[in-house]
C-alpha atoms as a PDB file:
ATOM      1  CA  MET A   1      18.462  19.040 -65.850  1.00  0.00           C
ATOM      2  CA  GLN A   2      18.031  19.844 -62.171  1.00  0.00           C
ATOM      3  CA  GLN A   3      14.478  20.176 -60.893  1.00  0.00           C
ATOM      4  CA  GLU A   4      13.587  23.658 -59.678  1.00  0.00           C
ATOM      5  CA  SER A   5      13.033  24.040 -55.972  1.00  0.00           C
ATOM      6  CA  ARG A   6       9.546  25.134 -54.999  1.00  0.00           C
ATOM      7  CA  PHE A   7       8.782  27.187 -51.936  1.00  0.00           C
ATOM      8  CA  SER A   8       5.954  29.245 -50.489  1.00  0.00           C
ATOM      9  CA  CYS A   9       5.778  32.413 -48.422  1.00  0.00           C
ATOM     10  CA  PHE A  10       4.835  31.787 -44.777  1.00  0.00           C
ATOM     11  CA  LYS A  11       2.524  34.792 -44.767  1.00  0.00           C
ATOM     12  CA  CYS A  12       0.505  34.680 -48.003  1.00  0.00           C
ATOM     13  CA  LYS A  13       1.246  31.040 -48.974  1.00  0.00           C
ATOM     14  CA  GLU A  14       2.065  32.200 -52.520  1.00  0.00           C
ATOM     15  CA  GLU A  15       4.281  29.724 -54.349  1.00  0.00           C
ATOM     16  CA  LEU A  16       7.778  31.056 -55.023  1.00  0.00           C
ATOM     17  CA  ILE A  17      10.282  29.772 -57.539  1.00  0.00           C
ATOM     18  CA  PHE A  18      13.829  31.109 -57.569  1.00  0.00           C
ATOM     19  CA  ASP A  19      17.174  29.889 -58.841  1.00  0.00           C
ATOM     20  CA  VAL A  20      19.535  31.846 -56.604  1.00  0.00           C
ATOM     21  CA  LYS A  21      20.010  31.943 -52.859  1.00  0.00           C
ATOM     22  CA  ILE A  22      17.800  34.577 -51.283  1.00  0.00           C
ATOM     23  CA  GLY A  23      19.304  37.448 -49.358  1.00  0.00           C
ATOM     24  CA  ARG A  24      18.438  38.970 -46.008  1.00  0.00           C
ATOM     25  CA  ARG A  25      16.421  41.802 -47.523  1.00  0.00           C
ATOM     26  CA  ASP A  26      14.596  39.862 -50.267  1.00  0.00           C
ATOM     27  CA  MET A  27      10.835  40.172 -49.984  1.00  0.00           C
ATOM     28  CA  CYS A  28       7.834  38.239 -51.215  1.00  0.00           C
ATOM     29  CA  PRO A  29       6.638  39.795 -54.487  1.00  0.00           C
ATOM     30  CA  ASN A  30       3.036  39.124 -53.488  1.00  0.00           C
ATOM     31  CA  CYS A  31       2.754  40.409 -49.883  1.00  0.00           C
ATOM     32  CA  GLY A  32       6.081  42.093 -49.107  1.00  0.00           C
ATOM     33  CA  ALA A  33       7.071  39.787 -46.220  1.00  0.00           C
ATOM     34  CA  TYR A  34      10.758  39.070 -45.710  1.00  0.00           C
ATOM     35  CA  LEU A  35      11.792  35.750 -47.231  1.00  0.00           C
ATOM     36  CA  HIS A  36      15.024  35.140 -45.268  1.00  0.00           C
ATOM     37  CA  CYS A  37      13.229  34.881 -41.917  1.00  0.00           C
ATOM     38  CA  CYS A  38      12.659  32.210 -39.300  1.00  0.00           C
ATOM     39  CA  LYS A  39       9.084  31.491 -40.327  1.00  0.00           C
ATOM     40  CA  ASN A  40      10.254  30.494 -43.828  1.00  0.00           C
ATOM     41  CA  CYS A  41      13.079  28.291 -42.538  1.00  0.00           C
ATOM     42  CA  ARG A  42      12.916  24.507 -42.461  1.00  0.00           C
ATOM     43  CA  PHE A  43      14.297  24.608 -38.887  1.00  0.00           C
ATOM     44  CA  TYR A  44      11.481  26.835 -37.557  1.00  0.00           C
ATOM     45  CA  ASP A  45       9.224  25.039 -35.094  1.00  0.00           C
ATOM     46  CA  PRO A  46       7.104  27.059 -32.640  1.00  0.00           C
ATOM     47  CA  ASN A  47       6.897  24.026 -30.331  1.00  0.00           C
ATOM     48  CA  VAL A  48      10.597  23.761 -29.457  1.00  0.00           C
ATOM     49  CA  HIS A  49      12.984  25.826 -27.356  1.00  0.00           C
ATOM     50  CA  ASN A  50      13.960  29.047 -29.125  1.00  0.00           C
ATOM     51  CA  GLN A  51      11.501  28.002 -31.881  1.00  0.00           C
ATOM     52  CA  CYS A  52      14.416  26.508 -33.836  1.00  0.00           C
ATOM     53  CA  THR A  53      15.394  22.866 -34.272  1.00  0.00           C
ATOM     54  CA  GLU A  54      18.922  23.897 -35.320  1.00  0.00           C
ATOM     55  CA  ASN A  55      20.561  23.919 -31.903  1.00  0.00           C
ATOM     56  CA  GLN A  56      23.489  26.129 -32.968  1.00  0.00           C
ATOM     57  CA  GLY A  57      21.331  28.977 -34.242  1.00  0.00           C
ATOM     58  CA  GLU A  58      21.363  32.216 -32.298  1.00  0.00           C
ATOM     59  CA  PHE A  59      18.255  33.683 -30.684  1.00  0.00           C
ATOM     60  CA  ILE A  60      16.261  35.888 -33.036  1.00  0.00           C
ATOM     61  CA  ARG A  61      13.620  38.068 -31.447  1.00  0.00           C
ATOM     62  CA  ASP A  62      11.373  38.830 -34.443  1.00  0.00           C
ATOM     63  CA  ARG A  63      10.681  35.622 -36.381  1.00  0.00           C
ATOM     64  CA  GLU A  64       9.186  37.518 -39.341  1.00  0.00           C
ATOM     65  CA  GLU A  65      12.048  40.002 -39.807  1.00  0.00           C
ATOM     66  CA  GLY A  66      14.858  39.385 -42.293  1.00  0.00           C
ATOM     67  CA  ASN A  67      17.942  38.084 -40.486  1.00  0.00           C
ATOM     68  CA  PHE A  68      21.546  36.951 -40.914  1.00  0.00           C
ATOM     69  CA  CYS A  69      21.112  33.392 -39.613  1.00  0.00           C
ATOM     70  CA  LEU A  70      23.827  31.180 -41.091  1.00  0.00           C
ATOM     71  CA  TYR A  71      21.689  28.040 -40.772  1.00  0.00           C
ATOM     72  CA  PHE A  72      18.710  29.325 -42.758  1.00  0.00           C
ATOM     73  CA  GLU A  73      17.301  26.854 -45.275  1.00  0.00           C
ATOM     74  CA  PHE A  74      14.070  27.730 -47.032  1.00  0.00           C
ATOM     75  CA  HIS A  75      11.247  25.369 -46.076  1.00  0.00           C
ATOM     76  CA  PRO A  76      10.365  23.398 -49.244  1.00  0.00           C
ATOM     77  CA  LEU A  77       6.800  23.448 -50.486  1.00  0.00           C
ATOM     78  CA  GLY A  78       4.962  20.287 -49.540  1.00  0.00           C
ATOM     79  CA  GLU A  79       7.532  18.993 -47.042  1.00  0.00           C
ATOM     80  CA  ASP A  80       5.584  16.762 -44.696  1.00  0.00           C
ATOM     81  CA  ARG A  81       6.897  16.430 -41.142  1.00  0.00           C
ATOM     82  CA  SER A  82       4.074  14.225 -39.858  1.00  0.00           C
ATOM     83  CA  ALA A  83       6.271  11.091 -39.884  1.00  0.00           C
ATOM     84  CA  GLU A  84       8.799  12.884 -37.678  1.00  0.00           C
ATOM     85  CA  VAL A  85       6.039  13.978 -35.290  1.00  0.00           C
ATOM     86  CA  ASP A  86       4.588  10.448 -35.131  1.00  0.00           C
ATOM     87  CA  ALA A  87       8.027   8.959 -34.376  1.00  0.00           C
ATOM     88  CA  ALA A  88       8.579  11.436 -31.541  1.00  0.00           C
ATOM     89  CA  ARG A  89       5.115  10.729 -30.141  1.00  0.00           C
ATOM     90  CA  SER A  90       5.678   6.959 -30.198  1.00  0.00           C
ATOM     91  CA  LYS A  91       8.998   7.418 -28.353  1.00  0.00           C
ATOM     92  CA  LEU A  92       7.220   9.453 -25.676  1.00  0.00           C
ATOM     93  CA  ASP A  93       4.482   6.837 -25.391  1.00  0.00           C
ATOM     94  CA  ALA A  94       7.090   4.102 -24.972  1.00  0.00           C
ATOM     95  CA  LEU A  95       8.934   6.138 -22.349  1.00  0.00           C
ATOM     96  CA  PHE A  96       5.838   7.031 -20.333  1.00  0.00           C
ATOM     97  CA  GLY A  97       3.779   3.874 -20.736  1.00  0.00           C
ATOM     98  CA  GLY A  98       1.773   4.795 -23.824  1.00  0.00           C
ATOM     99  CA  GLY A  99      -1.372   5.723 -21.952  1.00  0.00           C
ATOM    100  CA  GLY A 100      -0.913   9.454 -21.987  1.00  0.00           C
ATOM    101  CA  ALA A 101      -2.599  11.378 -19.209  1.00  0.00           C
ATOM    102  CA  VAL A 102      -4.810   9.685 -16.671  1.00  0.00           C
ATOM    103  CA  ALA A 103      -8.440   9.932 -17.697  1.00  0.00           C
ATOM    104  CA  PRO A 104     -10.313  12.458 -15.580  1.00  0.00           C
ATOM    105  CA  LYS A 105     -12.597  10.876 -13.004  1.00  0.00           C
ATOM    106  CA  ALA A 106     -14.815  12.215 -10.287  1.00  0.00           C
ATOM    107  CA  LEU A 107     -12.009  12.024  -7.713  1.00  0.00           C
ATOM    108  CA  SER A 108     -10.977  14.451  -5.053  1.00  0.00           C
ATOM    109  CA  PRO A 109      -7.769  16.359  -5.842  1.00  0.00           C
ATOM    110  CA  ALA A 110      -5.871  14.273  -3.270  1.00  0.00           C
ATOM    111  CA  ASP A 111      -7.141  10.968  -4.704  1.00  0.00           C
ATOM    112  CA  ASP A 112      -6.406  12.149  -8.229  1.00  0.00           C
ATOM    113  CA  ALA A 113      -2.843  13.108  -7.272  1.00  0.00           C
ATOM    114  CA  ARG A 114      -2.335   9.729  -5.579  1.00  0.00           C
ATOM    115  CA  ALA A 115      -3.660   7.869  -8.637  1.00  0.00           C
ATOM    116  CA  ARG A 116      -1.282   9.797 -10.898  1.00  0.00           C
ATOM    117  CA  LEU A 117       1.683   8.997  -8.641  1.00  0.00           C
ATOM    118  CA  ASP A 118       0.740   5.323  -8.559  1.00  0.00           C
ATOM    119  CA  ALA A 119       0.421   5.286 -12.353  1.00  0.00           C
ATOM    120  CA  LEU A 120       3.780   7.020 -12.710  1.00  0.00           C
ATOM    121  CA  PHE A 121       5.602   4.515 -10.506  1.00  0.00           C
ATOM    122  CA  GLY A 122       3.683   1.470 -11.730  1.00  0.00           C
ATOM    123  CA  LYS A 123       1.812   0.752  -8.493  1.00  0.00           C
ATOM    124  CA  LYS A 124      -1.666  -0.660  -8.528  1.00  0.00           C
END
């Protein structure tokens, strides 16, 4: 027997269980929010361009409105993306030296800019 997929509404966080694919106009039985919307999609990420990690998806103005996106996949309940975030952060640290931003010091703006340039190009 196949395990039922478990999901939750982005708005009210109510757990949803359904056996059929949701349609564009399906709404949350608890709060009335559209279910087939960007904010319920596993590709939705407010920190990326167009707020969508699916690079073929078309721009959608209202992220909470029901839409016809062909790439929509409901975001599973309990899906943890922290490992993906940590991997991306470690790649950035490796690319830019791992130190992050230069610690703020009591420097003049000119000295601070020079120190940042030296750190960027590896000069000491």
